[in-house]
């Protein structure tokens, strides 16, 4: 699988759920073919396309990317389904989280917190435990 875990100093980096035009509120598996997906790339910004297929932990889409977009979050609405690492190719976030749990270390136990949902006053944030 193609992913990396970066450990930030929580006293210096504030997690956010919105980057550009993309907000993440849930984590989910890749959807059925034909579903509209979008990614938020550093170079190309937000681009959208459709889910084509899956194979093991990987998925294929028509979402366009440019050089520098590798690692961009891929979402269905506000559900994070994976990361984009090549034009049309990505890795399922549920497979990445399962792999992190299996090997342990940084990133193991990753989940989204509930802050920012209607019953909570704070913005959504990511949490690594």
Protein backbone atom coordinates (compact mmCIF):
# COMPACT_ATOMS: atom_id res chain seq x y z
CA UNK A 1 0.00 0.00 0.00
CA UNK A 2 1.04 3.56 -0.65
CA UNK A 3 0.70 5.83 2.40
CA UNK A 4 2.80 7.63 5.00
CA UNK A 5 2.19 8.62 8.61
CA UNK A 6 3.48 11.98 9.75
CA UNK A 7 3.58 12.64 13.49
CA UNK A 8 2.98 16.32 14.29
CA UNK A 9 3.62 18.14 17.55
CA UNK A 10 0.05 18.66 18.83
CA UNK A 11 1.18 21.85 20.59
CA UNK A 12 2.18 23.36 17.23
CA UNK A 13 -0.27 21.90 14.70
CA UNK A 14 -4.05 22.26 15.00
CA UNK A 15 -5.95 19.51 13.16
CA UNK A 16 -8.69 20.67 10.80
CA UNK A 17 -11.47 18.89 8.92
CA UNK A 18 -11.69 21.34 6.02
CA UNK A 19 -8.96 21.92 3.45
CA UNK A 20 -9.87 24.13 0.49
CA UNK A 21 -13.34 23.10 -0.68
CA UNK A 22 -13.21 19.66 0.99
CA UNK A 23 -14.58 18.83 4.44
CA UNK A 24 -14.22 15.39 6.03
CA UNK A 25 -16.76 14.26 8.64
CA UNK A 26 -16.69 10.47 8.23
CA UNK A 27 -14.51 7.59 7.08
CA UNK A 28 -15.85 4.95 4.71
CA UNK A 29 -14.99 2.24 2.20
CA UNK A 30 -14.80 2.99 -1.53
CA UNK A 31 -18.32 3.22 -2.99
CA UNK A 32 -19.91 1.44 -5.94
CA UNK A 33 -18.76 2.17 -9.52
CA UNK A 34 -20.38 5.28 -10.98
CA UNK A 35 -20.39 7.18 -7.66
CA UNK A 36 -19.13 10.78 -7.87
CA UNK A 37 -15.85 11.30 -5.98
CA UNK A 38 -13.66 14.37 -5.46
CA UNK A 39 -10.11 15.00 -4.28
CA UNK A 40 -8.44 18.10 -2.86
CA UNK A 41 -4.95 18.32 -4.35
CA UNK A 42 -2.19 20.75 -3.47
CA UNK A 43 -1.52 21.49 -7.14
CA UNK A 44 -4.87 21.11 -8.89
CA UNK A 45 -7.26 21.93 -6.04
CA UNK A 46 -10.62 20.19 -5.96
CA UNK A 47 -11.38 17.97 -8.94
CA UNK A 48 -14.11 15.37 -9.30
CA UNK A 49 -14.81 12.24 -11.31
CA UNK A 50 -16.42 8.83 -10.86
CA UNK A 51 -15.51 5.58 -9.15
CA UNK A 52 -14.55 2.97 -11.75
CA UNK A 53 -13.55 -0.15 -9.79
CA UNK A 54 -11.73 -1.61 -6.80
CA UNK A 55 -9.08 -4.30 -6.47
CA UNK A 56 -8.11 -5.28 -2.94
CA UNK A 57 -7.10 -2.10 -1.06
CA UNK A 58 -6.88 -0.06 -4.28
CA UNK A 59 -9.45 1.83 -6.30
CA UNK A 60 -9.59 3.35 -9.78
CA UNK A 61 -11.38 6.63 -10.56
CA UNK A 62 -11.65 9.23 -13.30
CA UNK A 63 -10.62 11.98 -10.83
CA UNK A 64 -7.93 14.13 -12.44
CA UNK A 65 -4.66 14.94 -10.70
CA UNK A 66 -1.54 16.98 -11.43
CA UNK A 67 2.05 16.54 -10.31
CA UNK A 68 2.16 17.32 -6.60
CA UNK A 69 -1.33 16.00 -5.80
CA UNK A 70 -0.09 12.62 -4.54
CA UNK A 71 -1.58 11.80 -1.15
CA UNK A 72 -4.64 14.01 -1.69
CA UNK A 73 -7.77 12.97 0.21
CA UNK A 74 -10.47 11.38 -1.94
CA UNK A 75 -14.03 11.90 -0.71
CA UNK A 76 -17.58 10.95 -1.49
CA UNK A 77 -19.41 14.02 -0.19
CA UNK A 78 -17.80 14.48 3.24
CA UNK A 79 -16.78 10.82 3.65
CA UNK A 80 -13.04 10.15 3.31
CA UNK A 81 -12.63 7.00 1.22
CA UNK A 82 -8.89 7.07 0.53
CA UNK A 83 -5.87 8.89 -0.85
CA UNK A 84 -4.99 9.59 -4.48
CA UNK A 85 -1.44 8.59 -5.45
CA UNK A 86 -1.51 8.47 -9.24
CA UNK A 87 -3.88 9.63 -11.95
CA UNK A 88 -6.95 7.48 -11.43
CA UNK A 89 -5.44 5.39 -8.62
CA UNK A 90 -5.84 5.46 -4.87
CA UNK A 91 -5.71 3.43 -1.68
CA UNK A 92 -8.75 2.80 0.54
CA UNK A 93 -8.59 4.64 3.89
CA UNK A 94 -10.27 1.67 5.61
CA UNK A 95 -7.47 -0.59 4.31
CA UNK A 96 -4.84 1.93 5.47
CA UNK A 97 -6.38 2.17 8.95
CA UNK A 98 -6.55 -1.64 9.19
CA UNK A 99 -2.89 -1.89 8.13
CA UNK A 100 -1.86 0.73 10.70
CA UNK A 101 -3.68 -1.22 13.41
CA UNK A 102 -2.03 -4.46 12.32
CA UNK A 103 1.54 -3.10 12.37
CA UNK A 104 1.11 -0.74 15.36
CA UNK A 105 3.14 2.40 15.95
CA UNK A 106 2.28 5.93 14.79
CA UNK A 107 -1.22 6.11 13.32
CA UNK A 108 -2.51 2.93 14.97
CA UNK A 109 -6.01 3.55 16.36
CA UNK A 110 -6.70 6.51 14.04
CA UNK A 111 -10.28 7.76 14.08
CA UNK A 112 -12.21 10.97 13.51
CA UNK A 113 -13.53 12.72 16.60
CA UNK A 114 -17.15 13.81 16.84
CA UNK A 115 -16.37 17.50 17.52
CA UNK A 116 -18.17 19.88 15.21
CA UNK A 117 -21.16 17.67 14.56
CA UNK A 118 -24.46 19.41 15.42
CA UNK A 119 -24.44 18.24 19.05
CA UNK A 120 -20.87 19.49 19.68
CA UNK A 121 -19.57 23.09 19.75
CA UNK A 122 -16.00 22.59 18.42
CA UNK A 123 -14.91 22.15 14.78
CA UNK A 124 -14.26 18.63 13.47
CA UNK A 125 -10.76 17.41 14.15
CA UNK A 126 -8.69 14.34 13.54
CA UNK A 127 -7.37 12.27 16.39
CA UNK A 128 -4.62 9.68 16.60
CA UNK A 129 -4.60 7.57 19.73
